Amino acid sequence: MKGLEQHTMMPFRGLFDSMGKGVIRQEKHWCPECYLDAIRQSTPVYDPLVFSLMEVKSCPVHQLRLVSKCPDCGATQQALPSSRRVGWCTQCGGFLGYMGGEAREVTSREQYFYDLFECRHQLLEIDVSQEFKDGVMMVVNRSGCGAVTKLTEAVCFSDRTISQ
């Protein structure tokens, strides 16, 4: 399929740990109202890639906290299940969408990740790795942090999130 890489983490290769340590969640998180909306509108139920990032904790559309457990049986969902359809529990088969989730305002940090993912197709056109490294070094120099590790502490990223 042409353009498939635009819907993956490929635009960010070389920027984060290749195994996603400190970046990618081990278990699936979703917005229950997004699933419900898809069913109501007869559109495919899907998981936005940005919801797999550890830093993203709420849905920008519904302003709800993302959830990771089935409302029926309480089972945690696998990030990449081997069976079942998206939107249904891998354990009991129950639908994972519902109304009335916990309200949570999107933070500026989360908004940064949403914006970054919105423009990821543009990242394929440039050498993101080098651009990112240059940008990080510019921030390090301007901020007076003196080192990338001090910068990661200042912006509250784990030391594994931004590799040197």
Protein backbone atom coordinates (compact mmCIF):
# COMPACT_ATOMS: atom_id res chain seq x y z
CA MET A 1 0.00 0.00 0.00
CA LYS A 2 1.43 3.33 -1.04
CA GLY A 3 1.93 5.90 1.74
CA LEU A 4 1.48 3.38 4.54
CA GLU A 5 4.63 4.63 6.30
CA GLN A 6 2.83 7.93 6.96
CA HIS A 7 0.53 6.07 9.37
CA THR A 8 3.32 4.46 11.38
CA MET A 9 6.17 5.56 13.64
CA MET A 10 8.52 5.45 10.61
CA PRO A 11 8.79 9.26 10.37
CA PHE A 12 10.32 9.23 13.86
CA ARG A 13 12.92 6.51 13.28
CA GLY A 14 16.28 7.48 14.67
CA LEU A 15 14.72 9.92 17.13
CA PHE A 16 13.56 7.54 19.83
CA ASP A 17 14.81 4.27 21.21
CA SER A 18 14.32 1.67 18.46
CA MET A 19 12.36 -0.57 20.85
CA GLY A 20 10.17 2.31 22.04
CA LYS A 21 11.48 2.20 25.62
CA GLY A 22 10.21 5.23 27.48
CA VAL A 23 7.97 6.19 24.55
CA ILE A 24 5.56 3.39 23.58
CA ARG A 25 3.06 1.83 25.99
CA GLN A 26 3.12 -1.91 26.54
CA GLU A 27 -0.66 -2.12 26.86
CA LYS A 28 -3.38 -0.59 24.72
CA HIS A 29 -5.10 2.68 25.72
CA TRP A 30 -8.17 4.11 24.02
CA CYS A 31 -10.93 6.68 24.25
CA PRO A 32 -14.24 4.87 24.88
CA GLU A 33 -16.26 7.66 23.27
CA CYS A 34 -14.14 7.54 20.08
CA TYR A 35 -15.11 3.87 19.74
CA LEU A 36 -18.75 4.72 20.40
CA ASP A 37 -18.68 7.52 17.81
CA ALA A 38 -17.27 5.17 15.19
CA ILE A 39 -20.12 2.69 15.76
CA ARG A 40 -22.75 5.46 15.70
CA GLN A 41 -21.33 6.84 12.44
CA SER A 42 -20.83 3.41 10.85
CA THR A 43 -17.13 4.10 10.35
CA PRO A 44 -14.24 1.73 11.16
CA VAL A 45 -13.22 1.53 14.81
CA TYR A 46 -9.50 2.25 15.04
CA ASP A 47 -6.80 3.17 17.52
CA PRO A 48 -5.01 6.45 16.80
CA LEU A 49 -1.26 5.80 16.86
CA VAL A 50 -0.72 8.76 19.18
CA PHE A 51 -2.67 6.93 21.93
CA SER A 52 0.18 4.40 22.09
CA LEU A 53 2.57 7.04 23.44
CA MET A 54 3.20 7.02 27.20
CA GLU A 55 2.95 10.81 27.39
CA VAL A 56 -0.57 10.91 25.94
CA LYS A 57 -3.16 10.37 28.65
CA SER A 58 -6.30 11.97 27.23
CA CYS A 59 -8.36 12.24 24.04
CA PRO A 60 -8.15 15.63 22.32
CA VAL A 61 -11.62 15.20 20.80
CA HIS A 62 -13.62 14.19 23.87
CA GLN A 63 -11.38 15.57 26.64
CA LEU A 64 -11.52 12.20 28.41
CA ARG A 65 -8.85 10.17 30.17
CA LEU A 66 -7.72 7.23 28.04
CA VAL A 67 -8.58 3.83 29.52
CA SER A 68 -6.78 0.49 29.39
CA LYS A 69 -9.19 -1.99 30.97
CA CYS A 70 -12.38 -3.55 29.68
CA PRO A 71 -15.46 -2.00 31.38
CA ASP A 72 -17.10 -5.45 31.55
CA CYS A 73 -14.39 -7.83 32.78
CA GLY A 74 -11.56 -5.46 33.78
CA ALA A 75 -9.00 -7.15 31.52
CA THR A 76 -6.04 -5.10 30.31
CA GLN A 77 -5.86 -5.06 26.53
CA GLN A 78 -2.75 -5.97 24.54
CA ALA A 79 -1.27 -3.26 22.34
CA LEU A 80 -1.20 -5.65 19.38
CA PRO A 81 -3.69 -8.44 20.03
CA SER A 82 -3.42 -11.59 17.95
CA SER A 83 -7.18 -11.92 17.64
CA ARG A 84 -10.48 -10.03 17.86
CA ARG A 85 -11.57 -6.81 16.27
CA VAL A 86 -10.43 -3.35 17.33
CA GLY A 87 -12.84 -2.01 19.92
CA TRP A 88 -13.78 -5.35 21.49
CA CYS A 89 -12.20 -6.99 24.54
CA THR A 90 -9.70 -9.74 23.80
CA GLN A 91 -10.87 -11.62 26.91
CA CYS A 92 -14.67 -11.41 27.15
CA GLY A 93 -15.51 -10.02 23.70
CA GLY A 94 -17.38 -7.04 25.18
CA PHE A 95 -17.44 -3.67 23.41
CA LEU A 96 -14.86 -1.23 24.80
CA GLY A 97 -16.79 1.93 23.93
CA TYR A 98 -19.07 3.70 26.37
CA MET A 99 -20.24 7.16 27.44
CA GLY A 100 -19.29 8.94 30.61
CA GLY A 101 -15.56 8.48 30.90
CA GLU A 102 -13.43 10.51 33.30
CA ALA A 103 -13.01 14.11 32.09
CA ARG A 104 -9.43 15.27 31.70
CA GLU A 105 -8.14 18.39 30.01
CA VAL A 106 -5.44 17.91 27.39
CA THR A 107 -2.13 19.27 28.69
CA SER A 108 0.20 21.43 26.61
CA ARG A 109 2.68 18.55 26.57
CA GLU A 110 0.04 16.19 25.15
CA GLN A 111 -0.95 18.84 22.61
CA TYR A 112 2.68 18.94 21.48
CA PHE A 113 2.54 15.21 20.68
CA TYR A 114 -0.81 15.58 18.88
CA ASP A 115 0.66 18.38 16.76
CA LEU A 116 3.82 16.38 16.11
CA PHE A 117 1.78 13.42 14.89
CA GLU A 118 -0.42 15.63 12.72
CA CYS A 119 2.61 16.73 10.70
CA ARG A 120 4.48 13.38 10.67
CA HIS A 121 3.96 12.94 6.91
CA GLN A 122 6.11 16.05 6.40
CA LEU A 123 8.90 14.50 8.44
CA LEU A 124 9.42 11.83 5.78
CA GLU A 125 10.61 14.55 3.38
CA ILE A 126 13.55 15.66 5.55
CA ASP A 127 16.39 14.03 7.46
CA VAL A 128 14.48 14.21 10.72
CA SER A 129 17.20 12.56 12.73
CA GLN A 130 19.78 15.23 11.85
CA GLU A 131 17.24 18.07 12.08
CA PHE A 132 16.18 16.84 15.52
CA LYS A 133 19.76 16.49 16.75
CA ASP A 134 20.55 20.00 15.52
CA GLY A 135 17.41 21.33 17.20
CA VAL A 136 18.17 19.61 20.50
CA MET A 137 21.72 20.98 20.49
CA MET A 138 20.39 24.48 19.74
CA VAL A 139 18.01 24.22 22.71
CA VAL A 140 20.81 22.86 24.93
CA ASN A 141 23.05 25.75 23.99
CA ARG A 142 20.37 28.44 24.37
CA SER A 143 18.97 27.06 27.62
CA GLY A 144 22.31 26.90 29.37
CA CYS A 145 21.65 23.28 30.37
CA GLY A 146 25.06 22.34 29.05
CA ALA A 147 24.15 18.72 28.25
CA VAL A 148 21.35 16.73 26.67
CA THR A 149 20.83 14.77 29.90
CA LYS A 150 20.22 17.99 31.83
CA LEU A 151 17.80 19.12 29.13
CA THR A 152 15.81 15.87 29.37
CA GLU A 153 15.50 16.46 33.11
CA ALA A 154 14.41 20.07 32.56
CA VAL A 155 11.62 19.07 30.13
CA CYS A 156 10.64 16.02 32.23
CA PHE A 157 11.47 13.34 29.67
CA SER A 158 12.99 10.10 30.84
CA ASP A 159 16.65 9.61 30.01
CA ARG A 160 15.61 6.90 27.53
CA THR A 161 13.20 9.06 25.57
CA ILE A 162 15.75 11.18 23.77
CA SER A 163 18.85 9.25 22.85
CA GLN A 164 22.15 10.94 22.21
